[in-house]
PDB file of N, CA and C in Angstrom:
ATOM      1  N   UNK A   1      57.108  11.809  -7.380  1.00  0.00           N
ATOM      2  CA  UNK A   1      56.813  10.728  -6.431  1.00  0.00           C
ATOM      3  C   UNK A   1      56.765  11.235  -4.675  1.00  0.00           C
ATOM      4  N   UNK A   2      56.214  10.508  -4.042  1.00  0.00           N
ATOM      5  CA  UNK A   2      55.902  10.745  -2.616  1.00  0.00           C
ATOM      6  C   UNK A   2      56.035   9.478  -2.011  1.00  0.00           C
ATOM      7  N   UNK A   3      56.359   9.848  -0.669  1.00  0.00           N
ATOM      8  CA  UNK A   3      56.499   8.680   0.340  1.00  0.00           C
ATOM      9  C   UNK A   3      55.162   8.963   1.229  1.00  0.00           C
ATOM     10  N   UNK A   4      54.580   8.097   1.603  1.00  0.00           N
ATOM     11  CA  UNK A   4      53.515   8.146   2.493  1.00  0.00           C
ATOM     12  C   UNK A   4      53.362   7.210   3.534  1.00  0.00           C
ATOM     13  N   UNK A   5      53.637   7.906   4.932  1.00  0.00           N
ATOM     14  CA  UNK A   5      54.021   7.011   6.253  1.00  0.00           C
ATOM     15  C   UNK A   5      52.762   7.325   6.791  1.00  0.00           C
ATOM     16  N   UNK A   6      52.241   5.885   7.332  1.00  0.00           N
ATOM     17  CA  UNK A   6      51.075   6.199   8.157  1.00  0.00           C
ATOM     18  C   UNK A   6      51.384   5.272   9.516  1.00  0.00           C
ATOM     19  N   UNK A   7      50.945   5.786  10.620  1.00  0.00           N
ATOM     20  CA  UNK A   7      50.941   5.276  12.007  1.00  0.00           C
ATOM     21  C   UNK A   7      49.472   4.995  12.501  1.00  0.00           C
ATOM     22  N   UNK A   8      49.204   3.599  12.492  1.00  0.00           N
ATOM     23  CA  UNK A   8      47.864   3.299  12.634  1.00  0.00           C
ATOM     24  C   UNK A   8      47.730   2.333  13.629  1.00  0.00           C
ATOM     25  N   UNK A   9      46.622   1.947  14.311  1.00  0.00           N
ATOM     26  CA  UNK A   9      46.194   0.858  15.430  1.00  0.00           C
ATOM     27  C   UNK A   9      46.435  -0.321  15.022  1.00  0.00           C
ATOM     28  N   UNK A  10      47.079  -1.412  15.600  1.00  0.00           N
ATOM     29  CA  UNK A  10      47.316  -2.503  15.156  1.00  0.00           C
ATOM     30  C   UNK A  10      46.198  -3.443  14.789  1.00  0.00           C
ATOM     31  N   UNK A  11      45.098  -3.190  15.404  1.00  0.00           N
ATOM     32  CA  UNK A  11      43.804  -3.894  14.902  1.00  0.00           C
ATOM     33  C   UNK A  11      43.346  -3.422  13.833  1.00  0.00           C
ATOM     34  N   UNK A  12      43.666  -2.244  13.287  1.00  0.00           N
ATOM     35  CA  UNK A  12      43.255  -1.819  11.869  1.00  0.00           C
ATOM     36  C   UNK A  12      44.054  -2.237  10.829  1.00  0.00           C
ATOM     37  N   UNK A  13      45.017  -2.859  11.042  1.00  0.00           N
ATOM     38  CA  UNK A  13      46.068  -3.257   9.997  1.00  0.00           C
ATOM     39  C   UNK A  13      45.417  -3.946   9.029  1.00  0.00           C
ATOM     40  N   UNK A  14      44.797  -5.233   9.039  1.00  0.00           N
ATOM     41  CA  UNK A  14      44.337  -5.996   8.130  1.00  0.00           C
ATOM     42  C   UNK A  14      43.309  -5.171   7.213  1.00  0.00           C
ATOM     43  N   UNK A  15      42.407  -4.011   7.890  1.00  0.00           N
ATOM     44  CA  UNK A  15      41.414  -3.552   7.125  1.00  0.00           C
ATOM     45  C   UNK A  15      42.124  -2.469   6.144  1.00  0.00           C
ATOM     46  N   UNK A  16      43.199  -1.750   6.685  1.00  0.00           N
ATOM     47  CA  UNK A  16      44.171  -0.955   5.698  1.00  0.00           C
ATOM     48  C   UNK A  16      44.658  -1.716   4.733  1.00  0.00           C
ATOM     49  N   UNK A  17      45.248  -3.033   4.717  1.00  0.00           N
ATOM     50  CA  UNK A  17      45.750  -3.696   3.972  1.00  0.00           C
ATOM     51  C   UNK A  17      44.900  -4.411   2.768  1.00  0.00           C
ATOM     52  N   UNK A  18      43.736  -4.527   3.357  1.00  0.00           N
ATOM     53  CA  UNK A  18      42.661  -5.159   2.362  1.00  0.00           C
ATOM     54  C   UNK A  18      42.285  -4.088   1.435  1.00  0.00           C
ATOM     55  N   UNK A  19      42.169  -2.686   1.957  1.00  0.00           N
ATOM     56  CA  UNK A  19      41.705  -1.634   1.326  1.00  0.00           C
ATOM     57  C   UNK A  19      42.755  -1.268   0.304  1.00  0.00           C
ATOM     58  N   UNK A  20      43.921  -1.270   0.525  1.00  0.00           N
ATOM     59  CA  UNK A  20      45.292  -1.031  -0.323  1.00  0.00           C
ATOM     60  C   UNK A  20      45.300  -1.997  -1.435  1.00  0.00           C
ATOM     61  N   UNK A  21      44.937  -3.319  -1.130  1.00  0.00           N
ATOM     62  CA  UNK A  21      44.950  -4.357  -2.203  1.00  0.00           C
ATOM     63  C   UNK A  21      43.993  -4.112  -3.159  1.00  0.00           C
ATOM     64  N   UNK A  22      42.787  -3.401  -3.001  1.00  0.00           N
ATOM     65  CA  UNK A  22      41.908  -3.022  -3.849  1.00  0.00           C
ATOM     66  C   UNK A  22      42.169  -1.977  -4.573  1.00  0.00           C
ATOM     67  N   UNK A  23      43.056  -1.172  -4.308  1.00  0.00           N
ATOM     68  CA  UNK A  23      43.265   0.131  -4.954  1.00  0.00           C
ATOM     69  C   UNK A  23      43.904  -0.284  -6.160  1.00  0.00           C
ATOM     70  N   UNK A  24      43.388   0.256  -7.293  1.00  0.00           N
ATOM     71  CA  UNK A  24      44.141  -0.164  -8.529  1.00  0.00           C
ATOM     72  C   UNK A  24      45.637   0.472  -8.554  1.00  0.00           C
ATOM     73  N   UNK A  25      46.666  -0.589  -9.063  1.00  0.00           N
ATOM     74  CA  UNK A  25      48.078   0.204  -9.382  1.00  0.00           C
ATOM     75  C   UNK A  25      48.723   0.231  -8.205  1.00  0.00           C
ATOM     76  N   UNK A  26      48.085   0.042  -6.993  1.00  0.00           N
ATOM     77  CA  UNK A  26      49.237   0.233  -5.726  1.00  0.00           C
ATOM     78  C   UNK A  26      50.381  -0.587  -5.756  1.00  0.00           C
ATOM     79  N   UNK A  27      51.593   0.040  -5.647  1.00  0.00           N
ATOM     80  CA  UNK A  27      52.560  -0.769  -5.823  1.00  0.00           C
ATOM     81  C   UNK A  27      52.997  -1.658  -4.616  1.00  0.00           C
ATOM     82  N   UNK A  28      52.725  -1.185  -3.552  1.00  0.00           N
ATOM     83  CA  UNK A  28      53.028  -2.096  -2.564  1.00  0.00           C
ATOM     84  C   UNK A  28      53.441  -1.263  -1.094  1.00  0.00           C
ATOM     85  N   UNK A  29      53.621  -1.987  -0.026  1.00  0.00           N
ATOM     86  CA  UNK A  29      53.538  -1.348   1.265  1.00  0.00           C
ATOM     87  C   UNK A  29      54.582  -1.973   2.344  1.00  0.00           C
ATOM     88  N   UNK A  30      55.608  -1.358   2.872  1.00  0.00           N
ATOM     89  CA  UNK A  30      56.082  -1.963   4.174  1.00  0.00           C
ATOM     90  C   UNK A  30      55.588  -1.536   5.498  1.00  0.00           C
ATOM     91  N   UNK A  31      55.383  -2.789   6.342  1.00  0.00           N
ATOM     92  CA  UNK A  31      54.440  -2.545   7.306  1.00  0.00           C
ATOM     93  C   UNK A  31      55.908  -3.021   8.640  1.00  0.00           C
ATOM     94  N   UNK A  32      55.713  -2.001   9.644  1.00  0.00           N
ATOM     95  CA  UNK A  32      56.588  -2.275  10.939  1.00  0.00           C
ATOM     96  C   UNK A  32      55.662  -1.957  12.250  1.00  0.00           C
ATOM     97  N   UNK A  33      56.101  -2.937  13.188  1.00  0.00           N
ATOM     98  CA  UNK A  33      55.567  -2.721  14.391  1.00  0.00           C
ATOM     99  C   UNK A  33      56.324  -1.541  15.186  1.00  0.00           C
ATOM    100  N   UNK A  34      55.966  -0.546  15.745  1.00  0.00           N
ATOM    101  CA  UNK A  34      56.530   0.456  16.272  1.00  0.00           C
ATOM    102  C   UNK A  34      55.834   0.766  17.610  1.00  0.00           C
ATOM    103  N   UNK A  35      56.387   1.599  18.475  1.00  0.00           N
ATOM    104  CA  UNK A  35      56.110   1.894  19.668  1.00  0.00           C
ATOM    105  C   UNK A  35      56.364   3.544  19.932  1.00  0.00           C
ATOM    106  N   UNK A  36      55.337   3.943  20.372  1.00  0.00           N
ATOM    107  CA  UNK A  36      55.648   5.490  20.824  1.00  0.00           C
ATOM    108  C   UNK A  36      54.615   5.925  21.989  1.00  0.00           C
ATOM    109  N   UNK A  37      54.776   7.277  22.140  1.00  0.00           N
ATOM    110  CA  UNK A  37      53.904   7.890  22.892  1.00  0.00           C
ATOM    111  C   UNK A  37      53.259   9.493  22.386  1.00  0.00           C
ATOM    112  N   UNK A  38      52.086   9.601  22.935  1.00  0.00           N
ATOM    113  CA  UNK A  38      51.732  10.659  22.491  1.00  0.00           C
ATOM    114  C   UNK A  38      51.050  11.345  23.729  1.00  0.00           C
ATOM    115  N   UNK A  39      50.750  12.555  23.417  1.00  0.00           N
ATOM    116  CA  UNK A  39      50.084  13.567  24.736  1.00  0.00           C
ATOM    117  C   UNK A  39      48.411  13.424  24.629  1.00  0.00           C
ATOM    118  N   UNK A  40      47.696  12.969  25.506  1.00  0.00           N
ATOM    119  CA  UNK A  40      46.460  12.912  25.428  1.00  0.00           C
ATOM    120  C   UNK A  40      46.033  13.754  26.494  1.00  0.00           C
ATOM    121  N   UNK A  41      45.084  14.623  26.142  1.00  0.00           N
ATOM    122  CA  UNK A  41      44.158  15.604  27.310  1.00  0.00           C
ATOM    123  C   UNK A  41      42.947  14.649  27.493  1.00  0.00           C
ATOM    124  N   UNK A  42      42.795  14.543  28.754  1.00  0.00           N
ATOM    125  CA  UNK A  42      41.295  14.065  29.400  1.00  0.00           C
ATOM    126  C   UNK A  42      41.110  14.358  30.742  1.00  0.00           C
ATOM    127  N   UNK A  43      39.845  14.160  31.102  1.00  0.00           N
ATOM    128  CA  UNK A  43      39.351  14.581  32.245  1.00  0.00           C
ATOM    129  C   UNK A  43      40.153  14.033  33.508  1.00  0.00           C
ATOM    130  N   UNK A  44      40.263  14.960  34.521  1.00  0.00           N
ATOM    131  CA  UNK A  44      41.004  14.358  35.759  1.00  0.00           C
ATOM    132  C   UNK A  44      40.008  13.676  36.460  1.00  0.00           C
ATOM    133  N   UNK A  45      40.678  12.731  37.355  1.00  0.00           N
ATOM    134  CA  UNK A  45      39.584  11.868  38.296  1.00  0.00           C
ATOM    135  C   UNK A  45      38.898  12.561  39.204  1.00  0.00           C
ATOM    136  N   UNK A  46      39.367  14.060  39.648  1.00  0.00           N
ATOM    137  CA  UNK A  46      39.065  14.709  40.724  1.00  0.00           C
ATOM    138  C   UNK A  46      37.711  15.400  40.318  1.00  0.00           C
ATOM    139  N   UNK A  47      37.400  15.634  38.940  1.00  0.00           N
ATOM    140  CA  UNK A  47      36.301  16.502  38.538  1.00  0.00           C
ATOM    141  C   UNK A  47      36.650  17.444  36.998  1.00  0.00           C
ATOM    142  N   UNK A  48      36.357  18.742  37.101  1.00  0.00           N
ATOM    143  CA  UNK A  48      36.405  19.432  35.992  1.00  0.00           C
ATOM    144  C   UNK A  48      37.994  19.780  35.182  1.00  0.00           C
ATOM    145  N   UNK A  49      38.759  19.527  36.109  1.00  0.00           N
ATOM    146  CA  UNK A  49      40.178  19.763  35.756  1.00  0.00           C
ATOM    147  C   UNK A  49      40.519  19.119  34.596  1.00  0.00           C
ATOM    148  N   UNK A  50      41.405  19.370  33.947  1.00  0.00           N
ATOM    149  CA  UNK A  50      42.260  18.631  32.781  1.00  0.00           C
ATOM    150  C   UNK A  50      43.702  17.990  32.995  1.00  0.00           C
ATOM    151  N   UNK A  51      43.563  16.927  32.965  1.00  0.00           N
ATOM    152  CA  UNK A  51      44.889  16.007  33.368  1.00  0.00           C
ATOM    153  C   UNK A  51      45.688  15.707  31.927  1.00  0.00           C
ATOM    154  N   UNK A  52      46.885  15.902  31.833  1.00  0.00           N
ATOM    155  CA  UNK A  52      47.787  15.574  30.725  1.00  0.00           C
ATOM    156  C   UNK A  52      48.301  13.984  31.046  1.00  0.00           C
ATOM    157  N   UNK A  53      47.790  12.937  30.166  1.00  0.00           N
ATOM    158  CA  UNK A  53      48.019  11.644  30.474  1.00  0.00           C
ATOM    159  C   UNK A  53      49.235  11.320  29.355  1.00  0.00           C
ATOM    160  N   UNK A  54      50.257  10.739  29.932  1.00  0.00           N
ATOM    161  CA  UNK A  54      51.444  10.035  28.918  1.00  0.00           C
ATOM    162  C   UNK A  54      51.207   8.380  29.115  1.00  0.00           C
ATOM    163  N   UNK A  55      51.981   7.717  28.082  1.00  0.00           N
ATOM    164  CA  UNK A  55      52.034   6.449  28.134  1.00  0.00           C
ATOM    165  C   UNK A  55      52.571   6.089  26.539  1.00  0.00           C
ATOM    166  N   UNK A  56      53.104   4.983  26.730  1.00  0.00           N
ATOM    167  CA  UNK A  56      53.586   4.363  25.239  1.00  0.00           C
ATOM    168  C   UNK A  56      52.594   3.216  24.849  1.00  0.00           C
ATOM    169  N   UNK A  57      52.426   3.240  23.624  1.00  0.00           N
ATOM    170  CA  UNK A  57      51.554   2.349  22.944  1.00  0.00           C
ATOM    171  C   UNK A  57      52.102   1.698  21.901  1.00  0.00           C
ATOM    172  N   UNK A  58      51.637   0.494  21.447  1.00  0.00           N
ATOM    173  CA  UNK A  58      52.112  -0.308  20.136  1.00  0.00           C
ATOM    174  C   UNK A  58      51.311   0.107  19.078  1.00  0.00           C
ATOM    175  N   UNK A  59      51.565   0.358  18.055  1.00  0.00           N
ATOM    176  CA  UNK A  59      51.037   0.682  16.717  1.00  0.00           C
ATOM    177  C   UNK A  59      51.898   0.249  15.366  1.00  0.00           C
ATOM    178  N   UNK A  60      51.181   0.435  14.184  1.00  0.00           N
ATOM    179  CA  UNK A  60      51.978  -0.235  13.190  1.00  0.00           C
ATOM    180  C   UNK A  60      52.197   1.124  12.378  1.00  0.00           C
ATOM    181  N   UNK A  61      53.216   0.684  11.736  1.00  0.00           N
ATOM    182  CA  UNK A  61      53.657   1.966  10.527  1.00  0.00           C
ATOM    183  C   UNK A  61      53.754   1.403   9.176  1.00  0.00           C
ATOM    184  N   UNK A  62      53.003   2.143   8.365  1.00  0.00           N
ATOM    185  CA  UNK A  62      53.116   1.632   6.951  1.00  0.00           C
ATOM    186  C   UNK A  62      53.818   2.726   6.061  1.00  0.00           C
ATOM    187  N   UNK A  63      54.678   2.240   5.054  1.00  0.00           N
ATOM    188  CA  UNK A  63      55.168   2.994   4.263  1.00  0.00           C
ATOM    189  C   UNK A  63      55.323   2.552   3.019  1.00  0.00           C
ATOM    190  N   UNK A  64      55.031   3.811   2.104  1.00  0.00           N
ATOM    191  CA  UNK A  64      54.813   3.443   0.588  1.00  0.00           C
ATOM    192  C   UNK A  64      55.190   4.348  -0.384  1.00  0.00           C
ATOM    193  N   UNK A  65      55.743   4.112  -1.502  1.00  0.00           N
ATOM    194  CA  UNK A  65      55.953   5.261  -2.191  1.00  0.00           C
ATOM    195  C   UNK A  65      55.101   5.394  -3.529  1.00  0.00           C
ATOM    196  N   UNK A  66      54.636   6.190  -3.967  1.00  0.00           N
ATOM    197  CA  UNK A  66      53.479   6.149  -4.909  1.00  0.00           C
ATOM    198  C   UNK A  66      53.778   7.709  -5.755  1.00  0.00           C
ATOM    199  N   UNK A  67      53.437   7.432  -7.084  1.00  0.00           N
ATOM    200  CA  UNK A  67      53.304   8.522  -8.084  1.00  0.00           C
ATOM    201  C   UNK A  67      52.498   9.595  -7.428  1.00  0.00           C
ATOM    202  N   UNK A  68      52.843  10.743  -7.791  1.00  0.00           N
ATOM    203  CA  UNK A  68      52.088  12.191  -7.190  1.00  0.00           C
ATOM    204  C   UNK A  68      50.615  11.994  -7.557  1.00  0.00           C
ATOM    205  N   UNK A  69      49.977  11.492  -8.639  1.00  0.00           N
ATOM    206  CA  UNK A  69      48.736  11.351  -8.701  1.00  0.00           C
ATOM    207  C   UNK A  69      47.856  10.491  -7.994  1.00  0.00           C
ATOM    208  N   UNK A  70      48.704   9.482  -7.344  1.00  0.00           N
ATOM    209  CA  UNK A  70      48.032   8.540  -6.760  1.00  0.00           C
ATOM    210  C   UNK A  70      47.840   8.906  -5.022  1.00  0.00           C
ATOM    211  N   UNK A  71      48.733  10.198  -4.715  1.00  0.00           N
ATOM    212  CA  UNK A  71      48.618  10.054  -3.226  1.00  0.00           C
ATOM    213  C   UNK A  71      47.353  10.359  -2.560  1.00  0.00           C
ATOM    214  N   UNK A  72      46.511  11.534  -2.965  1.00  0.00           N
ATOM    215  CA  UNK A  72      45.267  11.619  -2.282  1.00  0.00           C
ATOM    216  C   UNK A  72      44.543  10.412  -2.258  1.00  0.00           C
ATOM    217  N   UNK A  73      44.410   9.664  -3.156  1.00  0.00           N
ATOM    218  CA  UNK A  73      43.439   8.302  -3.370  1.00  0.00           C
ATOM    219  C   UNK A  73      44.015   7.338  -2.200  1.00  0.00           C
ATOM    220  N   UNK A  74      45.287   7.328  -2.033  1.00  0.00           N
ATOM    221  CA  UNK A  74      46.064   6.356  -1.222  1.00  0.00           C
ATOM    222  C   UNK A  74      45.839   6.986   0.311  1.00  0.00           C
ATOM    223  N   UNK A  75      45.899   8.131   0.295  1.00  0.00           N
ATOM    224  CA  UNK A  75      45.700   8.699   1.612  1.00  0.00           C
ATOM    225  C   UNK A  75      44.326   8.282   2.184  1.00  0.00           C
ATOM    226  N   UNK A  76      43.565   8.703   1.247  1.00  0.00           N
ATOM    227  CA  UNK A  76      42.177   8.833   1.437  1.00  0.00           C
ATOM    228  C   UNK A  76      41.672   7.230   1.861  1.00  0.00           C
ATOM    229  N   UNK A  77      41.997   6.365   1.104  1.00  0.00           N
ATOM    230  CA  UNK A  77      42.081   4.708   1.648  1.00  0.00           C
ATOM    231  C   UNK A  77      42.519   4.468   2.790  1.00  0.00           C
ATOM    232  N   UNK A  78      43.667   5.061   3.272  1.00  0.00           N
ATOM    233  CA  UNK A  78      44.145   4.498   4.684  1.00  0.00           C
ATOM    234  C   UNK A  78      43.374   5.176   5.688  1.00  0.00           C
ATOM    235  N   UNK A  79      43.246   6.543   5.611  1.00  0.00           N
ATOM    236  CA  UNK A  79      42.444   7.330   6.506  1.00  0.00           C
ATOM    237  C   UNK A  79      40.890   6.526   6.753  1.00  0.00           C
ATOM    238  N   UNK A  80      40.288   6.171   5.852  1.00  0.00           N
ATOM    239  CA  UNK A  80      39.086   5.433   5.836  1.00  0.00           C
ATOM    240  C   UNK A  80      39.044   4.168   6.603  1.00  0.00           C
ATOM    241  N   UNK A  81      40.029   3.402   6.056  1.00  0.00           N
ATOM    242  CA  UNK A  81      40.195   2.037   6.767  1.00  0.00           C
ATOM    243  C   UNK A  81      40.741   2.288   8.109  1.00  0.00           C
ATOM    244  N   UNK A  82      41.319   3.334   8.378  1.00  0.00           N
ATOM    245  CA  UNK A  82      42.133   3.074   9.964  1.00  0.00           C
ATOM    246  C   UNK A  82      41.223   3.799  10.719  1.00  0.00           C
ATOM    247  N   UNK A  83      40.065   4.461  10.321  1.00  0.00           N
ATOM    248  CA  UNK A  83      39.334   5.448  11.128  1.00  0.00           C
ATOM    249  C   UNK A  83      38.596   4.552  12.292  1.00  0.00           C
ATOM    250  N   UNK A  84      38.639   4.919  13.497  1.00  0.00           N
ATOM    251  CA  UNK A  84      37.489   4.207  14.548  1.00  0.00           C
ATOM    252  C   UNK A  84      36.845   5.567  15.115  1.00  0.00           C
ATOM    253  N   UNK A  85      37.048   6.730  15.066  1.00  0.00           N
ATOM    254  CA  UNK A  85      36.557   7.967  15.699  1.00  0.00           C
ATOM    255  C   UNK A  85      37.111   8.056  16.855  1.00  0.00           C
ATOM    256  N   UNK A  86      38.034   7.310  17.594  1.00  0.00           N
ATOM    257  CA  UNK A  86      38.545   7.558  19.006  1.00  0.00           C
ATOM    258  C   UNK A  86      39.868   8.271  18.906  1.00  0.00           C
ATOM    259  N   UNK A  87      40.215   8.944  19.808  1.00  0.00           N
ATOM    260  CA  UNK A  87      41.819   9.442  20.124  1.00  0.00           C
ATOM    261  C   UNK A  87      42.685   8.440  19.745  1.00  0.00           C
ATOM    262  N   UNK A  88      43.727   8.808  19.166  1.00  0.00           N
ATOM    263  CA  UNK A  88      44.988   7.430  18.812  1.00  0.00           C
ATOM    264  C   UNK A  88      44.610   6.890  17.650  1.00  0.00           C
ATOM    265  N   UNK A  89      43.825   7.123  17.132  1.00  0.00           N
ATOM    266  CA  UNK A  89      43.543   6.510  15.419  1.00  0.00           C
ATOM    267  C   UNK A  89      44.813   6.499  14.848  1.00  0.00           C
ATOM    268  N   UNK A  90      45.889   7.643  14.973  1.00  0.00           N
ATOM    269  CA  UNK A  90      46.822   7.611  14.169  1.00  0.00           C
ATOM    270  C   UNK A  90      47.188   8.830  13.363  1.00  0.00           C
ATOM    271  N   UNK A  91      47.965   9.028  12.556  1.00  0.00           N
ATOM    272  CA  UNK A  91      48.484   9.864  11.425  1.00  0.00           C
ATOM    273  C   UNK A  91      49.038   9.521  10.244  1.00  0.00           C
ATOM    274  N   UNK A  92      48.779  10.421   9.137  1.00  0.00           N
ATOM    275  CA  UNK A  92      49.552   9.981   7.712  1.00  0.00           C
ATOM    276  C   UNK A  92      50.202  11.123   7.358  1.00  0.00           C
ATOM    277  N   UNK A  93      51.514  11.052   7.072  1.00  0.00           N
ATOM    278  CA  UNK A  93      52.702  11.722   6.530  1.00  0.00           C
ATOM    279  C   UNK A  93      52.768  11.717   5.071  1.00  0.00           C
ATOM    280  N   UNK A  94      53.020  12.682   4.569  1.00  0.00           N
ATOM    281  CA  UNK A  94      53.461  12.717   2.756  1.00  0.00           C
ATOM    282  C   UNK A  94      54.768  13.503   2.740  1.00  0.00           C
ATOM    283  N   UNK A  95      55.786  12.810   2.311  1.00  0.00           N
ATOM    284  CA  UNK A  95      57.032  13.526   1.828  1.00  0.00           C
ATOM    285  C   UNK A  95      57.427  13.374   0.340  1.00  0.00           C
ATOM    286  N   UNK A  96      58.031  14.489  -0.153  1.00  0.00           N
ATOM    287  CA  UNK A  96      58.665  14.228  -1.435  1.00  0.00           C
ATOM    288  C   UNK A  96      59.948  13.227  -1.372  1.00  0.00           C
ATOM    289  N   UNK A  97      59.955  12.485  -2.415  1.00  0.00           N
ATOM    290  CA  UNK A  97      61.027  11.510  -2.658  1.00  0.00           C
ATOM    291  C   UNK A  97      61.726  12.216  -3.998  1.00  0.00           C
ATOM    292  N   UNK A  98      63.090  12.410  -3.635  1.00  0.00           N
ATOM    293  CA  UNK A  98      64.020  13.145  -4.532  1.00  0.00           C
ATOM    294  C   UNK A  98      64.699  11.993  -5.543  1.00  0.00           C
ATOM    295  N   UNK A  99      64.884  10.800  -5.064  1.00  0.00           N
ATOM    296  CA  UNK A  99      65.528   9.677  -5.507  1.00  0.00           C
ATOM    297  C   UNK A  99      65.176   8.521  -5.180  1.00  0.00           C
ATOM    298  N   UNK A 100      65.105   7.264  -6.436  1.00  0.00           N
ATOM    299  CA  UNK A 100      64.708   5.945  -5.932  1.00  0.00           C
ATOM    300  C   UNK A 100      65.775   5.061  -6.712  1.00  0.00           C
ATOM    301  N   UNK A 101      66.422   4.310  -6.110  1.00  0.00           N
ATOM    302  CA  UNK A 101      67.283   3.330  -6.927  1.00  0.00           C
ATOM    303  C   UNK A 101      67.117   2.013  -6.335  1.00  0.00           C
ATOM    304  N   UNK A 102      66.905   1.315  -7.565  1.00  0.00           N
ATOM    305  CA  UNK A 102      66.469  -0.366  -7.473  1.00  0.00           C
ATOM    306  C   UNK A 102      67.877  -1.191  -7.066  1.00  0.00           C
ATOM    307  N   UNK A 103      67.850  -1.764  -5.943  1.00  0.00           N
ATOM    308  CA  UNK A 103      69.073  -2.547  -5.804  1.00  0.00           C
ATOM    309  C   UNK A 103      69.528  -3.364  -6.783  1.00  0.00           C
ATOM    310  N   UNK A 104      68.543  -4.327  -7.051  1.00  0.00           N
ATOM    311  CA  UNK A 104      68.684  -5.140  -7.979  1.00  0.00           C
ATOM    312  C   UNK A 104      69.259  -4.803  -9.602  1.00  0.00           C
ATOM    313  N   UNK A 105      68.916  -3.881 -10.086  1.00  0.00           N
ATOM    314  CA  UNK A 105      69.256  -3.242 -11.254  1.00  0.00           C
ATOM    315  C   UNK A 105      70.040  -2.073 -11.369  1.00  0.00           C
ATOM    316  N   UNK A 106      69.969  -1.388 -10.318  1.00  0.00           N
ATOM    317  CA  UNK A 106      70.788  -0.119 -10.244  1.00  0.00           C
ATOM    318  C   UNK A 106      70.038   1.070 -10.808  1.00  0.00           C
ATOM    319  N   UNK A 107      68.886   0.667 -11.593  1.00  0.00           N
ATOM    320  CA  UNK A 107      67.782   1.602 -12.068  1.00  0.00           C
ATOM    321  C   UNK A 107      67.698   2.684 -11.018  1.00  0.00           C
ATOM    322  N   UNK A 108      67.905   4.190 -11.560  1.00  0.00           N
ATOM    323  CA  UNK A 108      67.568   5.430 -10.930  1.00  0.00           C
ATOM    324  C   UNK A 108      66.308   6.003 -11.413  1.00  0.00           C
ATOM    325  N   UNK A 109      65.369   6.812 -10.529  1.00  0.00           N
ATOM    326  CA  UNK A 109      64.329   7.528 -10.814  1.00  0.00           C
ATOM    327  C   UNK A 109      64.500   8.425  -9.964  1.00  0.00           C
ATOM    328  N   UNK A 110      64.633   9.731 -10.793  1.00  0.00           N
ATOM    329  CA  UNK A 110      64.893  10.856  -9.979  1.00  0.00           C
ATOM    330  C   UNK A 110      63.411  11.818  -9.948  1.00  0.00           C
ATOM    331  N   UNK A 111      63.276  12.734  -9.122  1.00  0.00           N
ATOM    332  CA  UNK A 111      62.075  13.721  -9.094  1.00  0.00           C
ATOM    333  C   UNK A 111      62.375  14.823 -10.174  1.00  0.00           C
ATOM    334  N   UNK A 112      61.405  15.113 -10.992  1.00  0.00           N
ATOM    335  CA  UNK A 112      61.740  16.045 -11.974  1.00  0.00           C
ATOM    336  C   UNK A 112      61.067  17.389 -11.338  1.00  0.00           C
ATOM    337  N   UNK A 113      62.146  18.323 -11.578  1.00  0.00           N
ATOM    338  CA  UNK A 113      61.896  19.879 -10.752  1.00  0.00           C
ATOM    339  C   UNK A 113      61.556  20.581 -11.745  1.00  0.00           C
TER     340      UNK A 113
END
């Protein structure tokens, strides 16, 4: 099992969720509003020099756990639906999941080594 976390632009959220709903056997997703900052390099107002610009921005974080076989397809869906081609489109992270416990039933699912 893998956990996929994606940080995307807020205005792309509906497009990403629509695309994920169309993905067969997609189990679900958690969405959270997040704020953060990154480092963006752009032209300085005075000419050719490069200026580093800092700032915070509002983004959306999507989190989901999928079977190993679904990872590439789900990452592709998120990347394509979130893409605008501009700096700050976001990032997708994939992590191994060692254990999942269902709270209601106590059922355990462990990663097989």
